[in-house]
Amino acid sequence: MAHPKRKTSKQRRNKRRTHYKATAPTVMNCQNCGATVQYHRVCPECGHYKGKLALEKEVSA
């Protein structure tokens, strides 16, 4: 395994890390209620996933 001969400076280290870009998660509209939902997730509003009921939502009165 290779060992560094010199300490990597903060500037050199930070230059190497500049290319990382965080991406926002992709979203879609729920097929049942039209709420905004992340892909491959159950709708938090109505509990549907791919047009089928996945979670039974409790109605608070």
PDB file of N, CA and C in Angstrom:
ATOM      1  N   MET A   1       0.837  -1.172   0.000  1.00  0.00           N
ATOM      2  CA  MET A   1       0.000   0.000   0.000  1.00  0.00           C
ATOM      3  C   MET A   1       0.886   1.240   0.000  1.00  0.00           C
ATOM      4  N   ALA A   2       0.541   2.203  -0.828  1.00  0.00           N
ATOM      5  CA  ALA A   2       1.344   3.410  -0.958  1.00  0.00           C
ATOM      6  C   ALA A   2       1.112   4.349   0.215  1.00  0.00           C
ATOM      7  N   HIS A   3       2.185   5.027   0.634  1.00  0.00           N
ATOM      8  CA  HIS A   3       2.113   6.010   1.708  1.00  0.00           C
ATOM      9  C   HIS A   3       2.495   7.370   1.151  1.00  0.00           C
ATOM     10  N   PRO A   4       1.790   8.418   1.547  1.00  0.00           N
ATOM     11  CA  PRO A   4       2.132   9.742   1.041  1.00  0.00           C
ATOM     12  C   PRO A   4       3.458  10.228   1.624  1.00  0.00           C
ATOM     13  N   LYS A   5       4.259  10.881   0.771  1.00  0.00           N
ATOM     14  CA  LYS A   5       5.528  11.428   1.252  1.00  0.00           C
ATOM     15  C   LYS A   5       5.323  12.797   1.881  1.00  0.00           C
ATOM     16  N   ARG A   6       4.284  13.509   1.458  1.00  0.00           N
ATOM     17  CA  ARG A   6       4.031  14.844   1.969  1.00  0.00           C
ATOM     18  C   ARG A   6       2.542  14.971   2.331  1.00  0.00           C
ATOM     19  N   LYS A   7       2.263  15.904   3.232  1.00  0.00           N
ATOM     20  CA  LYS A   7       0.883  16.177   3.617  1.00  0.00           C
ATOM     21  C   LYS A   7       0.165  16.860   2.454  1.00  0.00           C
ATOM     22  N   THR A   8      -1.070  16.427   2.179  1.00  0.00           N
ATOM     23  CA  THR A   8      -1.886  17.077   1.153  1.00  0.00           C
ATOM     24  C   THR A   8      -2.465  18.349   1.757  1.00  0.00           C
ATOM     25  N   SER A   9      -2.212  19.480   1.092  1.00  0.00           N
ATOM     26  CA  SER A   9      -2.676  20.763   1.619  1.00  0.00           C
ATOM     27  C   SER A   9      -4.200  20.861   1.537  1.00  0.00           C
ATOM     28  N   LYS A  10      -4.752  21.761   2.329  1.00  0.00           N
ATOM     29  CA  LYS A  10      -6.206  21.963   2.323  1.00  0.00           C
ATOM     30  C   LYS A  10      -6.678  22.434   0.956  1.00  0.00           C
ATOM     31  N   GLN A  11      -5.904  23.301   0.328  1.00  0.00           N
ATOM     32  CA  GLN A  11      -6.292  23.831  -0.974  1.00  0.00           C
ATOM     33  C   GLN A  11      -6.324  22.719  -2.031  1.00  0.00           C
ATOM     34  N   ARG A  12      -5.313  21.871  -2.030  1.00  0.00           N
ATOM     35  CA  ARG A  12      -5.251  20.769  -3.001  1.00  0.00           C
ATOM     36  C   ARG A  12      -6.382  19.776  -2.760  1.00  0.00           C
ATOM     37  N   ARG A  13      -6.642  19.471  -1.492  1.00  0.00           N
ATOM     38  CA  ARG A  13      -7.729  18.548  -1.139  1.00  0.00           C
ATOM     39  C   ARG A  13      -9.071  19.119  -1.578  1.00  0.00           C
ATOM     40  N   ASN A  14      -9.303  20.397  -1.315  1.00  0.00           N
ATOM     41  CA  ASN A  14     -10.573  21.015  -1.656  1.00  0.00           C
ATOM     42  C   ASN A  14     -10.766  21.134  -3.162  1.00  0.00           C
ATOM     43  N   LYS A  15      -9.692  21.343  -3.915  1.00  0.00           N
ATOM     44  CA  LYS A  15      -9.793  21.387  -5.381  1.00  0.00           C
ATOM     45  C   LYS A  15     -10.273  20.053  -5.925  1.00  0.00           C
ATOM     46  N   ARG A  16      -9.821  18.982  -5.317  1.00  0.00           N
ATOM     47  CA  ARG A  16     -10.203  17.645  -5.760  1.00  0.00           C
ATOM     48  C   ARG A  16     -11.681  17.373  -5.484  1.00  0.00           C
ATOM     49  N   ARG A  17     -12.214  17.974  -4.443  1.00  0.00           N
ATOM     50  CA  ARG A  17     -13.597  17.707  -4.031  1.00  0.00           C
ATOM     51  C   ARG A  17     -14.631  18.642  -4.655  1.00  0.00           C
ATOM     52  N   THR A  18     -14.234  19.551  -5.521  1.00  0.00           N
ATOM     53  CA  THR A  18     -15.170  20.540  -6.059  1.00  0.00           C
ATOM     54  C   THR A  18     -16.158  19.970  -7.061  1.00  0.00           C
ATOM     55  N   HIS A  19     -15.933  18.815  -7.615  1.00  0.00           N
ATOM     56  CA  HIS A  19     -16.758  18.304  -8.701  1.00  0.00           C
ATOM     57  C   HIS A  19     -18.023  17.608  -8.230  1.00  0.00           C
ATOM     58  N   TYR A  20     -18.164  17.395  -6.920  1.00  0.00           N
ATOM     59  CA  TYR A  20     -19.355  16.746  -6.384  1.00  0.00           C
ATOM     60  C   TYR A  20     -20.536  17.696  -6.443  1.00  0.00           C
ATOM     61  N   LYS A  21     -21.651  17.223  -6.991  1.00  0.00           N
ATOM     62  CA  LYS A  21     -22.859  18.036  -7.043  1.00  0.00           C
ATOM     63  C   LYS A  21     -24.009  17.222  -6.449  1.00  0.00           C
ATOM     64  N   ALA A  22     -24.646  17.766  -5.439  1.00  0.00           N
ATOM     65  CA  ALA A  22     -25.812  17.110  -4.864  1.00  0.00           C
ATOM     66  C   ALA A  22     -27.001  17.344  -5.784  1.00  0.00           C
ATOM     67  N   THR A  23     -27.796  16.296  -6.027  1.00  0.00           N
ATOM     68  CA  THR A  23     -28.955  16.425  -6.902  1.00  0.00           C
ATOM     69  C   THR A  23     -30.237  16.328  -6.074  1.00  0.00           C
ATOM     70  N   ALA A  24     -31.215  17.074  -6.478  1.00  0.00           N
ATOM     71  CA  ALA A  24     -32.507  17.040  -5.800  1.00  0.00           C
ATOM     72  C   ALA A  24     -33.230  15.747  -6.169  1.00  0.00           C
ATOM     73  N   PRO A  25     -33.992  15.151  -5.250  1.00  0.00           N
ATOM     74  CA  PRO A  25     -34.711  13.924  -5.575  1.00  0.00           C
ATOM     75  C   PRO A  25     -35.791  14.189  -6.622  1.00  0.00           C
ATOM     76  N   THR A  26     -36.004  13.214  -7.503  1.00  0.00           N
ATOM     77  CA  THR A  26     -37.024  13.371  -8.528  1.00  0.00           C
ATOM     78  C   THR A  26     -38.406  13.142  -7.921  1.00  0.00           C
ATOM     79  N   VAL A  27     -39.347  13.946  -8.343  1.00  0.00           N
ATOM     80  CA  VAL A  27     -40.701  13.863  -7.797  1.00  0.00           C
ATOM     81  C   VAL A  27     -41.711  13.683  -8.926  1.00  0.00           C
ATOM     82  N   MET A  28     -42.874  13.183  -8.563  1.00  0.00           N
ATOM     83  CA  MET A  28     -43.969  13.010  -9.517  1.00  0.00           C
ATOM     84  C   MET A  28     -45.263  13.352  -8.797  1.00  0.00           C
ATOM     85  N   ASN A  29     -46.353  13.333  -9.538  1.00  0.00           N
ATOM     86  CA  ASN A  29     -47.667  13.566  -8.941  1.00  0.00           C
ATOM     87  C   ASN A  29     -48.336  12.226  -8.681  1.00  0.00           C
ATOM     88  N   CYS A  30     -49.001  12.116  -7.552  1.00  0.00           N
ATOM     89  CA  CYS A  30     -49.718  10.891  -7.177  1.00  0.00           C
ATOM     90  C   CYS A  30     -50.838  10.644  -8.191  1.00  0.00           C
ATOM     91  N   GLN A  31     -50.994   9.390  -8.612  1.00  0.00           N
ATOM     92  CA  GLN A  31     -52.038   9.037  -9.581  1.00  0.00           C
ATOM     93  C   GLN A  31     -53.422   9.144  -8.957  1.00  0.00           C
ATOM     94  N   ASN A  32     -53.506   9.004  -7.639  1.00  0.00           N
ATOM     95  CA  ASN A  32     -54.795   8.999  -6.976  1.00  0.00           C
ATOM     96  C   ASN A  32     -55.251  10.408  -6.558  1.00  0.00           C
ATOM     97  N   CYS A  33     -54.393  11.141  -5.841  1.00  0.00           N
ATOM     98  CA  CYS A  33     -54.826  12.427  -5.291  1.00  0.00           C
ATOM     99  C   CYS A  33     -54.120  13.632  -5.909  1.00  0.00           C
ATOM    100  N   GLY A  34     -53.042  13.419  -6.653  1.00  0.00           N
ATOM    101  CA  GLY A  34     -52.341  14.521  -7.304  1.00  0.00           C
ATOM    102  C   GLY A  34     -51.301  15.207  -6.446  1.00  0.00           C
ATOM    103  N   ALA A  35     -51.036  14.703  -5.244  1.00  0.00           N
ATOM    104  CA  ALA A  35     -50.018  15.291  -4.371  1.00  0.00           C
ATOM    105  C   ALA A  35     -48.628  14.983  -4.920  1.00  0.00           C
ATOM    106  N   THR A  36     -47.645  15.817  -4.576  1.00  0.00           N
ATOM    107  CA  THR A  36     -46.269  15.600  -5.010  1.00  0.00           C
ATOM    108  C   THR A  36     -45.634  14.510  -4.159  1.00  0.00           C
ATOM    109  N   VAL A  37     -45.057  13.492  -4.822  1.00  0.00           N
ATOM    110  CA  VAL A  37     -44.493  12.332  -4.142  1.00  0.00           C
ATOM    111  C   VAL A  37     -43.147  12.004  -4.768  1.00  0.00           C
ATOM    112  N   GLN A  38     -42.181  11.541  -3.955  1.00  0.00           N
ATOM    113  CA  GLN A  38     -40.918  11.056  -4.479  1.00  0.00           C
ATOM    114  C   GLN A  38     -41.158   9.738  -5.210  1.00  0.00           C
ATOM    115  N   TYR A  39     -40.329   9.470  -6.240  1.00  0.00           N
ATOM    116  CA  TYR A  39     -40.448   8.208  -6.969  1.00  0.00           C
ATOM    117  C   TYR A  39     -40.256   7.027  -6.020  1.00  0.00           C
ATOM    118  N   HIS A  40     -40.949   5.944  -6.267  1.00  0.00           N
ATOM    119  CA  HIS A  40     -40.853   4.687  -5.531  1.00  0.00           C
ATOM    120  C   HIS A  40     -41.171   4.847  -4.046  1.00  0.00           C
ATOM    121  N   ARG A  41     -42.094   5.759  -3.724  1.00  0.00           N
ATOM    122  CA  ARG A  41     -42.523   5.957  -2.343  1.00  0.00           C
ATOM    123  C   ARG A  41     -44.048   5.948  -2.287  1.00  0.00           C
ATOM    124  N   VAL A  42     -44.587   5.557  -1.144  1.00  0.00           N
ATOM    125  CA  VAL A  42     -46.026   5.601  -0.924  1.00  0.00           C
ATOM    126  C   VAL A  42     -46.420   7.064  -0.716  1.00  0.00           C
ATOM    127  N   CYS A  43     -47.548   7.455  -1.267  1.00  0.00           N
ATOM    128  CA  CYS A  43     -48.036   8.829  -1.133  1.00  0.00           C
ATOM    129  C   CYS A  43     -48.356   9.104   0.336  1.00  0.00           C
ATOM    130  N   PRO A  44     -47.773  10.166   0.919  1.00  0.00           N
ATOM    131  CA  PRO A  44     -48.053  10.451   2.327  1.00  0.00           C
ATOM    132  C   PRO A  44     -49.466  10.992   2.563  1.00  0.00           C
ATOM    133  N   GLU A  45     -50.102  11.509   1.523  1.00  0.00           N
ATOM    134  CA  GLU A  45     -51.441  12.085   1.664  1.00  0.00           C
ATOM    135  C   GLU A  45     -52.532  11.016   1.677  1.00  0.00           C
ATOM    136  N   CYS A  46     -52.496  10.110   0.672  1.00  0.00           N
ATOM    137  CA  CYS A  46     -53.598   9.145   0.536  1.00  0.00           C
ATOM    138  C   CYS A  46     -53.184   7.693   0.781  1.00  0.00           C
ATOM    139  N   GLY A  47     -51.867   7.398   0.799  1.00  0.00           N
ATOM    140  CA  GLY A  47     -51.406   6.036   1.078  1.00  0.00           C
ATOM    141  C   GLY A  47     -51.413   5.120  -0.129  1.00  0.00           C
ATOM    142  N   HIS A  48     -51.516   5.656  -1.348  1.00  0.00           N
ATOM    143  CA  HIS A  48     -51.505   4.830  -2.551  1.00  0.00           C
ATOM    144  C   HIS A  48     -50.109   4.723  -3.135  1.00  0.00           C
ATOM    145  N   TYR A  49     -49.838   3.596  -3.804  1.00  0.00           N
ATOM    146  CA  TYR A  49     -48.587   3.375  -4.515  1.00  0.00           C
ATOM    147  C   TYR A  49     -48.908   2.637  -5.804  1.00  0.00           C
ATOM    148  N   LYS A  50     -48.514   3.202  -6.929  1.00  0.00           N
ATOM    149  CA  LYS A  50     -48.790   2.638  -8.256  1.00  0.00           C
ATOM    150  C   LYS A  50     -50.283   2.394  -8.466  1.00  0.00           C
ATOM    151  N   GLY A  51     -51.106   3.297  -7.983  1.00  0.00           N
ATOM    152  CA  GLY A  51     -52.541   3.210  -8.193  1.00  0.00           C
ATOM    153  C   GLY A  51     -53.272   2.265  -7.256  1.00  0.00           C
ATOM    154  N   LYS A  52     -52.559   1.632  -6.328  1.00  0.00           N
ATOM    155  CA  LYS A  52     -53.188   0.704  -5.390  1.00  0.00           C
ATOM    156  C   LYS A  52     -53.002   1.205  -3.968  1.00  0.00           C
ATOM    157  N   LEU A  53     -53.940   0.868  -3.093  1.00  0.00           N
ATOM    158  CA  LEU A  53     -53.862   1.272  -1.691  1.00  0.00           C
ATOM    159  C   LEU A  53     -52.770   0.454  -1.005  1.00  0.00           C
ATOM    160  N   ALA A  54     -51.773   1.144  -0.454  1.00  0.00           N
ATOM    161  CA  ALA A  54     -50.666   0.481   0.208  1.00  0.00           C
ATOM    162  C   ALA A  54     -50.749   0.644   1.719  1.00  0.00           C
ATOM    163  N   LEU A  55     -51.163   1.816   2.186  1.00  0.00           N
ATOM    164  CA  LEU A  55     -51.300   2.089   3.609  1.00  0.00           C
ATOM    165  C   LEU A  55     -52.691   2.602   3.905  1.00  0.00           C
ATOM    166  N   GLU A  56     -53.268   2.066   4.946  1.00  0.00           N
ATOM    167  CA  GLU A  56     -54.590   2.526   5.393  1.00  0.00           C
ATOM    168  C   GLU A  56     -54.369   3.778   6.243  1.00  0.00           C
ATOM    169  N   LYS A  57     -54.886   4.918   5.784  1.00  0.00           N
ATOM    170  CA  LYS A  57     -54.711   6.161   6.515  1.00  0.00           C
ATOM    171  C   LYS A  57     -55.826   6.327   7.520  1.00  0.00           C
ATOM    172  N   GLU A  58     -55.472   6.755   8.754  1.00  0.00           N
ATOM    173  CA  GLU A  58     -56.473   6.992   9.788  1.00  0.00           C
ATOM    174  C   GLU A  58     -57.029   8.394   9.632  1.00  0.00           C
ATOM    175  N   VAL A  59     -58.322   8.529   9.752  1.00  0.00           N
ATOM    176  CA  VAL A  59     -58.971   9.829   9.647  1.00  0.00           C
ATOM    177  C   VAL A  59     -59.086  10.417  11.053  1.00  0.00           C
ATOM    178  N   SER A  60     -58.442  11.577  11.256  1.00  0.00           N
ATOM    179  CA  SER A  60     -58.515  12.210  12.578  1.00  0.00           C
ATOM    180  C   SER A  60     -59.697  13.175  12.612  1.00  0.00           C
ATOM    181  N   ALA A  61     -60.539  13.019  13.627  1.00  0.00           N
ATOM    182  CA  ALA A  61     -61.731  13.855  13.717  1.00  0.00           C
ATOM    183  C   ALA A  61     -61.616  14.895  14.789  1.00  0.00           C
TER     184      ALA A  61
END
